[in-house]
Amino acid sequence: MLDKIKKINIIKRIRKTIWYSRTRQYFPKSKPKYMDDRDQLIDAEIVRIEWPASVKKPVFGIVQDYDVYPKWTKYRRFLENNSFDYGIYHIHRHDWIDLSNQFDIIIGIPSNTLYDLQEIRSKYEILETFREKICYPSSVHARLFEDKCLEAYIAKVANIPFAKTYVLTDKDDALQLIAQLKYPFVSKIVPSSASIGVELVLNFTQARQIVNEVFSQHGKKTHMIYHQQKNLVYFQEFIPNDGYDIRIIVVGNKVFGYYRNVLEGDFRASGMRKWEKRELPVEAMKIALKVNSVIESPVLAVDFLHDHEGKYTIIEYSPFYQMDSPEELHVNGIPGVYIFNQDGSYHFEIGKYWVAELALRELLQNNYLPKLYNKGNNIL
């Protein structure tokens, strides 16, 4: 019954409001726990890796995540299918540095909450810098995850076709800018996901109110009762579009993806769970591949809008995303993957894949093994 209520459009919109998110946190909630869905996993292709006979296999430390659709169980499936040793890495413990000594590669991230991200970003940087561990996500990609400002900065310097975005950290500068901007535009909270904290700014009065709150003594309230939006405004151009966004998922030369439709009377698609799986546009796929040639992540999710003039523009991208199905792409109702060649040609291959497993193989093939060969160590 509750699941049916959550699917009602007006309820979906209410659940994306800051008011709902903050109010919900004052009521009793179950303690976060690690989900184990191994007995419920949908059948998918077994992802294999050909391991060089002369190279000692690394030992993996798995950081469990609290996601309803956990990634750590897919990592374990890949490791077991390829005969890698592993253990659960309790990164929250006081002796996390000593515990890391038993592992060569650390994989996983507990959640996308601000406090978990802050913890992982600093600890992974220590493990990489002072313990020479390979971490997934790397400390660089962990900083990028859920940081819309960093996305915008990288897009600017790397000439990525990103929606025009303004990250403002000076009140006078912000007030001068909003007097010149074209309305409406979009305001976003950093960090946030699934459309929470995303609002359409219709006029100068509304924009000025946001700026004044953000740069006030206490900052602007967010969906997190323990965090205020302080001295940072994120404004992004509003792009009239075809009523959906497109998520393109890149893993090496493999591409998955789907369409996310907006609710009637709304402009947001992320987090609304209105998916449509069909053939993806070639232009958007090639752009996403080029973006990951800059980001160099084992997996990258790139969100596009298609405007009325036929242009594809990126509004967000992330080295992590929620993976709840081994059918992230359908073509003519058939699950599979697009595989691109170096000359830009591509073909569709039938199959069901857990993207988390493909990403782990990508990490080993294009990060771990090359580093070993360059160093000339850990070779039997």
Protein backbone atom coordinates (compact mmCIF):
# COMPACT_ATOMS: atom_id res chain seq x y z
CA MET A 1 0.00 0.00 0.00
CA LEU A 2 2.78 2.43 0.97
CA ASP A 3 4.68 1.68 -2.26
CA LYS A 4 1.56 2.53 -4.29
CA ILE A 5 1.17 5.84 -2.47
CA LYS A 6 4.82 6.75 -3.15
CA LYS A 7 4.21 6.29 -6.89
CA ILE A 8 1.49 8.96 -7.01
CA ASN A 9 2.88 11.98 -8.88
CA ILE A 10 1.89 14.61 -6.32
CA ILE A 11 3.46 12.49 -3.56
CA LYS A 12 6.67 12.20 -5.60
CA ARG A 13 6.84 15.97 -5.89
CA ILE A 14 6.18 16.49 -2.17
CA ARG A 15 8.95 14.02 -1.28
CA LYS A 16 11.43 16.12 -3.29
CA THR A 17 10.77 19.28 -1.29
CA ILE A 18 13.18 20.58 1.31
CA TRP A 19 10.27 20.90 3.75
CA TYR A 20 9.48 17.18 3.50
CA SER A 21 13.11 16.07 3.76
CA ARG A 22 13.79 18.19 6.84
CA THR A 23 10.53 17.26 8.58
CA ARG A 24 11.06 13.55 7.93
CA GLN A 25 14.40 13.66 9.77
CA TYR A 26 12.69 14.68 13.03
CA PHE A 27 10.66 11.47 13.10
CA PRO A 28 12.01 8.05 14.10
CA LYS A 29 13.81 6.28 11.28
CA SER A 30 15.32 2.84 11.16
CA LYS A 31 19.06 2.75 11.67
CA PRO A 32 20.96 2.44 8.37
CA LYS A 33 22.04 -1.13 7.77
CA TYR A 34 23.96 -3.00 5.16
CA MET A 35 21.70 -4.69 2.65
CA ASP A 36 22.61 -8.14 1.35
CA ASP A 37 20.73 -8.89 -1.87
CA ARG A 38 22.86 -11.79 -3.11
CA ASP A 39 19.90 -14.18 -2.91
CA GLN A 40 17.74 -11.79 -4.94
CA LEU A 41 20.16 -10.72 -7.67
CA ILE A 42 18.73 -10.88 -11.16
CA ASP A 43 20.75 -13.19 -13.37
CA ALA A 44 23.40 -11.38 -15.36
CA GLU A 45 26.43 -12.22 -17.46
CA ILE A 46 29.46 -13.34 -15.48
CA VAL A 47 32.12 -10.67 -15.92
CA ARG A 48 35.52 -12.32 -16.33
CA ILE A 49 39.02 -10.88 -16.37
CA GLU A 50 42.05 -12.58 -17.87
CA TRP A 51 44.72 -12.23 -15.21
CA PRO A 52 48.41 -12.39 -16.22
CA ALA A 53 50.08 -15.53 -14.84
CA SER A 54 53.16 -13.49 -13.84
CA VAL A 55 51.19 -11.04 -11.67
CA LYS A 56 50.17 -11.74 -8.10
CA LYS A 57 46.46 -11.17 -7.55
CA PRO A 58 45.63 -8.29 -5.18
CA VAL A 59 43.58 -8.67 -2.02
CA PHE A 60 40.46 -6.50 -1.91
CA GLY A 61 38.94 -4.66 1.02
CA ILE A 62 35.22 -4.08 0.44
CA VAL A 63 33.58 -1.04 2.02
CA GLN A 64 29.90 -1.91 2.37
CA ASP A 65 27.27 0.62 1.32
CA TYR A 66 23.85 1.32 2.81
CA ASP A 67 22.10 1.57 -0.56
CA VAL A 68 18.81 -0.24 -1.08
CA TYR A 69 20.51 -1.58 -4.20
CA PRO A 70 23.98 -2.27 -2.72
CA LYS A 71 27.07 -2.23 -4.89
CA TRP A 72 29.23 -4.23 -2.49
CA THR A 73 27.35 -7.45 -3.27
CA LYS A 74 28.10 -6.99 -6.98
CA TYR A 75 31.77 -6.38 -6.19
CA ARG A 76 31.83 -9.58 -4.18
CA ARG A 77 30.16 -11.49 -7.01
CA PHE A 78 32.88 -10.33 -9.42
CA LEU A 79 35.68 -11.17 -6.99
CA GLU A 80 34.34 -14.63 -6.24
CA ASN A 81 33.77 -15.42 -9.93
CA ASN A 82 37.38 -14.45 -10.65
CA SER A 83 38.97 -16.09 -7.57
CA PHE A 84 40.24 -12.92 -5.87
CA ASP A 85 40.77 -12.85 -2.11
CA TYR A 86 38.77 -10.21 -0.27
CA GLY A 87 37.49 -9.14 3.11
CA ILE A 88 35.11 -6.57 4.52
CA TYR A 89 37.01 -3.36 5.32
CA HIS A 90 35.54 -1.62 8.38
CA ILE A 91 36.59 1.88 7.43
CA HIS A 92 34.59 3.57 10.21
CA ARG A 93 36.63 1.91 12.97
CA HIS A 94 39.22 3.83 14.95
CA ASP A 95 42.00 1.51 13.67
CA TRP A 96 41.08 1.88 9.99
CA ILE A 97 44.68 2.67 8.99
CA ASP A 98 46.03 -0.51 10.58
CA LEU A 99 43.17 -2.55 9.12
CA SER A 100 44.08 -1.35 5.62
CA ASN A 101 47.42 -3.18 5.79
CA GLN A 102 45.77 -6.48 4.88
CA PHE A 103 44.42 -5.14 1.56
CA ASP A 104 45.92 -3.97 -1.73
CA ILE A 105 42.78 -2.40 -3.20
CA ILE A 106 39.97 -0.67 -1.30
CA ILE A 107 36.59 -0.53 -3.05
CA GLY A 108 33.27 1.04 -2.17
CA ILE A 109 31.67 4.03 -0.51
CA PRO A 110 29.10 3.86 2.34
CA SER A 111 26.57 6.40 0.99
CA ASN A 112 26.20 9.77 -0.70
CA THR A 113 25.42 11.60 2.54
CA LEU A 114 27.62 14.59 3.28
CA TYR A 115 29.22 13.10 6.39
CA ASP A 116 30.09 9.80 4.67
CA LEU A 117 31.53 11.64 1.68
CA GLN A 118 33.67 13.86 3.88
CA GLU A 119 35.01 10.82 5.72
CA ILE A 120 35.76 8.79 2.60
CA ARG A 121 37.39 11.68 0.73
CA SER A 122 39.95 12.30 3.47
CA LYS A 123 40.59 8.65 4.33
CA TYR A 124 41.03 7.55 0.71
CA GLU A 125 43.49 10.37 0.15
CA ILE A 126 45.52 9.17 3.12
CA LEU A 127 45.41 5.56 1.93
CA GLU A 128 46.52 6.52 -1.58
CA THR A 129 49.21 8.99 -0.53
CA PHE A 130 50.78 7.34 2.51
CA ARG A 131 49.83 3.66 2.13
CA GLU A 132 50.07 3.42 -1.68
CA LYS A 133 46.66 1.75 -1.89
CA ILE A 134 44.45 1.74 -4.96
CA CYS A 135 41.04 3.09 -3.95
CA TYR A 136 37.81 2.93 -5.86
CA PRO A 137 36.54 5.54 -6.15
CA SER A 138 39.88 7.29 -6.10
CA SER A 139 40.16 10.29 -3.79
CA VAL A 140 39.83 12.52 -6.88
CA HIS A 141 36.62 10.82 -8.02
CA ALA A 142 35.29 10.74 -4.45
CA ARG A 143 35.64 14.54 -4.38
CA LEU A 144 33.78 14.77 -7.69
CA PHE A 145 30.91 12.54 -6.52
CA GLU A 146 27.95 14.78 -5.53
CA ASP A 147 30.03 17.96 -5.94
CA LYS A 148 28.22 19.97 -8.60
CA CYS A 149 30.65 22.86 -8.23
CA LEU A 150 33.63 20.68 -9.11
CA GLU A 151 31.69 19.32 -12.09
CA ALA A 152 31.14 22.85 -13.36
CA TYR A 153 34.78 23.86 -12.82
CA ILE A 154 36.11 20.82 -14.72
CA ALA A 155 33.58 21.32 -17.51
CA LYS A 156 34.74 24.92 -17.91
CA VAL A 157 38.47 24.20 -18.15
CA ALA A 158 37.99 21.04 -20.25
CA ASN A 159 35.48 22.60 -22.70
CA ILE A 160 32.82 20.02 -21.89
CA PRO A 161 29.39 20.94 -23.38
CA PHE A 162 27.93 21.75 -19.97
CA ALA A 163 24.90 23.90 -19.22
CA LYS A 164 25.93 27.48 -18.43
CA THR A 165 26.52 27.47 -14.69
CA TYR A 166 27.40 30.12 -12.10
CA VAL A 167 29.00 29.16 -8.79
CA LEU A 168 28.87 32.30 -6.66
CA THR A 169 30.77 32.79 -3.41
CA ASP A 170 30.60 36.59 -3.07
CA LYS A 171 27.32 38.33 -2.23
CA ASP A 172 27.95 41.55 -4.17
CA ASP A 173 29.01 39.55 -7.21
CA ALA A 174 25.87 37.39 -6.92
CA LEU A 175 23.55 40.40 -6.64
CA GLN A 176 25.13 42.04 -9.68
CA LEU A 177 24.84 38.84 -11.71
CA ILE A 178 21.18 38.09 -10.99
CA ALA A 179 20.31 41.56 -12.27
CA GLN A 180 21.71 40.51 -15.66
CA LEU A 181 20.67 36.85 -15.95
CA LYS A 182 17.83 35.63 -18.13
CA TYR A 183 14.89 34.15 -16.19
CA PRO A 184 13.93 31.50 -15.37
CA PHE A 185 17.02 29.63 -14.28
CA VAL A 186 17.67 26.68 -11.96
CA SER A 187 19.01 26.82 -8.41
CA LYS A 188 20.66 23.73 -6.91
CA ILE A 189 21.93 22.79 -3.47
CA VAL A 190 25.43 21.34 -3.13
CA PRO A 191 25.58 18.49 -2.28
CA SER A 192 22.27 16.95 -3.31
CA SER A 193 20.84 14.28 -5.58
CA ALA A 194 17.54 12.97 -7.00
CA SER A 195 16.22 16.52 -7.62
CA ILE A 196 16.16 17.42 -3.92
CA GLY A 197 16.97 21.10 -3.47
CA VAL A 198 16.48 21.83 -7.17
CA GLU A 199 14.11 24.73 -7.82
CA LEU A 200 13.13 26.97 -10.70
CA VAL A 201 13.94 30.63 -10.08
CA LEU A 202 11.30 32.66 -11.89
CA ASN A 203 12.31 36.26 -11.26
CA PHE A 204 14.78 38.66 -9.70
CA THR A 205 12.88 38.88 -6.39
CA GLN A 206 13.10 35.11 -5.87
CA ALA A 207 16.80 35.07 -6.84
CA ARG A 208 17.61 37.92 -4.46
CA GLN A 209 15.84 36.10 -1.62
CA ILE A 210 18.02 33.02 -2.22
CA VAL A 211 21.20 35.11 -2.32
CA ASN A 212 20.28 37.01 0.85
CA GLU A 213 19.52 33.78 2.73
CA VAL A 214 22.69 32.02 1.57
CA PHE A 215 24.90 34.94 2.57
CA SER A 216 23.10 35.59 5.87
CA GLN A 217 24.70 34.79 9.21
CA HIS A 218 23.17 31.30 9.39
CA GLY A 219 22.83 30.48 5.71
CA LYS A 220 19.89 28.95 3.83
CA LYS A 221 18.13 25.85 5.11
CA THR A 222 18.65 22.69 3.06
CA HIS A 223 17.12 19.21 3.06
CA MET A 224 19.74 18.27 5.70
CA ILE A 225 18.89 19.51 9.19
CA TYR A 226 22.58 19.47 10.11
CA HIS A 227 23.77 21.46 7.08
CA GLN A 228 23.02 24.96 5.79
CA GLN A 229 23.83 26.35 2.36
CA LYS A 230 26.30 29.05 3.36
CA ASN A 231 28.17 31.53 1.15
CA LEU A 232 27.72 29.44 -2.00
CA VAL A 233 25.05 29.79 -4.67
CA TYR A 234 24.73 27.41 -7.62
CA PHE A 235 22.68 28.75 -10.53
CA GLN A 236 22.33 26.95 -13.87
CA GLU A 237 20.60 28.01 -17.06
CA PHE A 238 17.13 26.56 -17.64
CA ILE A 239 17.00 24.65 -20.93
CA PRO A 240 13.54 24.06 -22.44
CA ASN A 241 13.64 20.46 -23.60
CA ASP A 242 11.69 17.48 -24.88
CA GLY A 243 10.28 16.56 -21.46
CA TYR A 244 12.99 14.13 -20.41
CA ASP A 245 16.66 13.86 -19.71
CA ILE A 246 18.99 11.14 -20.94
CA ARG A 247 21.40 9.29 -18.70
CA ILE A 248 24.38 7.89 -20.59
CA ILE A 249 26.56 5.44 -18.64
CA VAL A 250 30.12 4.85 -19.85
CA VAL A 251 32.35 1.95 -18.78
CA GLY A 252 35.49 1.90 -20.91
CA ASN A 253 34.25 1.46 -24.48
CA LYS A 254 30.84 0.20 -23.32
CA VAL A 255 27.77 2.41 -23.14
CA PHE A 256 24.45 1.93 -21.38
CA GLY A 257 21.65 4.37 -20.66
CA TYR A 258 18.00 5.29 -20.51
CA TYR A 259 15.55 8.19 -20.61
CA ARG A 260 14.04 9.79 -17.50
CA ASN A 261 10.70 11.52 -18.05
CA VAL A 262 9.61 14.56 -16.04
CA LEU A 263 6.38 14.63 -14.06
CA GLU A 264 3.46 16.57 -15.50
CA GLY A 265 3.70 20.18 -14.35
CA ASP A 266 7.34 19.82 -13.27
CA PHE A 267 10.72 20.29 -14.95
CA ARG A 268 12.78 17.72 -13.00
CA ALA A 269 13.42 14.12 -14.06
CA SER A 270 16.10 12.90 -11.65
CA GLY A 271 14.74 10.77 -8.82
CA MET A 272 11.18 10.61 -10.19
CA ARG A 273 11.62 6.99 -11.30
CA LYS A 274 9.84 7.49 -14.64
CA TRP A 275 12.22 5.57 -16.88
CA GLU A 276 12.01 4.73 -20.54
CA LYS A 277 14.50 2.29 -22.04
CA ARG A 278 15.09 2.52 -25.77
CA GLU A 279 17.75 3.23 -28.37
CA LEU A 280 20.17 5.98 -27.36
CA PRO A 281 21.22 8.93 -29.55
CA VAL A 282 24.67 8.39 -31.07
CA GLU A 283 25.74 12.02 -30.60
CA ALA A 284 25.06 11.93 -26.84
CA MET A 285 26.92 8.64 -26.46
CA LYS A 286 30.00 9.98 -28.24
CA ILE A 287 29.97 13.13 -26.11
CA ALA A 288 29.78 11.02 -22.93
CA LEU A 289 32.74 8.92 -24.10
CA LYS A 290 34.76 12.09 -24.67
CA VAL A 291 33.83 13.41 -21.23
CA ASN A 292 35.14 10.24 -19.61
CA SER A 293 38.37 10.57 -21.56
CA VAL A 294 38.83 13.67 -19.37
CA ILE A 295 37.46 12.30 -16.08
CA GLU A 296 39.02 8.81 -16.50
CA SER A 297 36.59 7.09 -14.15
CA PRO A 298 35.91 3.31 -14.25
CA VAL A 299 32.27 4.28 -14.73
CA LEU A 300 30.72 7.66 -15.49
CA ALA A 301 27.04 8.61 -15.61
CA VAL A 302 26.37 11.67 -17.78
CA ASP A 303 22.97 13.41 -17.75
CA PHE A 304 21.88 15.27 -20.90
CA LEU A 305 19.03 17.52 -21.93
CA HIS A 306 17.92 17.61 -25.58
CA ASP A 307 16.67 21.09 -26.40
CA HIS A 308 14.16 22.15 -29.04
CA GLU A 309 16.98 23.00 -31.46
CA GLY A 310 18.35 19.46 -31.33
CA LYS A 311 21.38 20.23 -29.15
CA TYR A 312 22.56 17.89 -26.38
CA THR A 313 23.75 19.67 -23.25
CA ILE A 314 25.15 18.09 -20.09
CA ILE A 315 23.55 19.17 -16.81
CA GLU A 316 25.43 16.80 -14.47
CA TYR A 317 27.88 13.91 -14.50
CA SER A 318 29.05 11.55 -11.78
CA PRO A 319 31.57 8.73 -11.21
CA PHE A 320 28.95 6.93 -9.07
CA TYR A 321 25.21 6.44 -9.43
CA GLN A 322 22.48 4.10 -8.16
CA MET A 323 22.64 0.79 -10.02
CA ASP A 324 19.41 -1.11 -9.44
CA SER A 325 19.22 -3.33 -12.49
CA PRO A 326 21.42 -5.41 -14.83
CA GLU A 327 19.29 -4.03 -17.68
CA GLU A 328 20.56 -0.45 -17.93
CA LEU A 329 19.94 -0.40 -21.68
CA HIS A 330 17.16 -1.77 -23.88
CA VAL A 331 17.08 -1.64 -27.67
CA ASN A 332 13.79 -2.80 -29.17
CA GLY A 333 12.90 -4.27 -25.78
CA ILE A 334 16.09 -6.34 -25.60
CA PRO A 335 18.68 -5.75 -22.82
CA GLY A 336 22.27 -5.23 -23.87
CA VAL A 337 25.18 -2.85 -24.33
CA TYR A 338 26.64 -0.64 -27.05
CA ILE A 339 30.30 -1.38 -27.73
CA PHE A 340 32.36 1.35 -29.40
CA ASN A 341 35.48 0.87 -31.51
CA GLN A 342 38.39 3.31 -31.72
CA ASP A 343 37.21 4.56 -35.12
CA GLY A 344 33.86 5.60 -33.64
CA SER A 345 31.87 2.71 -35.08
CA TYR A 346 29.77 0.70 -32.65
CA HIS A 347 27.44 -2.25 -32.37
CA PHE A 348 24.79 -3.51 -29.97
CA GLU A 349 25.45 -6.71 -28.03
CA ILE A 350 22.70 -8.60 -26.21
CA GLY A 351 23.22 -9.32 -22.52
CA LYS A 352 22.48 -8.37 -18.93
CA TYR A 353 25.32 -6.80 -16.94
CA TRP A 354 25.80 -5.42 -13.45
CA VAL A 355 27.66 -2.22 -14.29
CA ALA A 356 29.43 -2.31 -10.90
CA GLU A 357 31.18 -5.51 -11.99
CA LEU A 358 32.23 -4.04 -15.33
CA ALA A 359 33.55 -0.96 -13.53
CA LEU A 360 35.67 -3.11 -11.23
CA ARG A 361 37.15 -4.94 -14.20
CA GLU A 362 37.84 -1.57 -15.83
CA LEU A 363 39.68 -0.44 -12.69
CA LEU A 364 41.93 -3.51 -12.77
CA GLN A 365 42.63 -3.45 -16.51
CA ASN A 366 43.27 0.27 -16.94
CA ASN A 367 44.52 1.36 -13.53
CA TYR A 368 45.89 -1.36 -11.29
CA LEU A 369 47.74 -3.52 -13.84
CA PRO A 370 49.32 -0.61 -15.76
CA LYS A 371 50.62 0.84 -12.49
CA LEU A 372 52.17 -2.51 -11.56
CA TYR A 373 53.92 -2.82 -14.91
CA ASN A 374 55.21 0.75 -14.64
CA LYS A 375 56.59 0.12 -11.17
CA GLY A 376 57.87 -3.35 -12.03
CA ASN A 377 56.83 -4.71 -8.63
CA ASN A 378 54.35 -7.27 -7.27
CA ILE A 379 55.32 -9.53 -10.16
CA LEU A 380 55.84 -13.17 -9.28
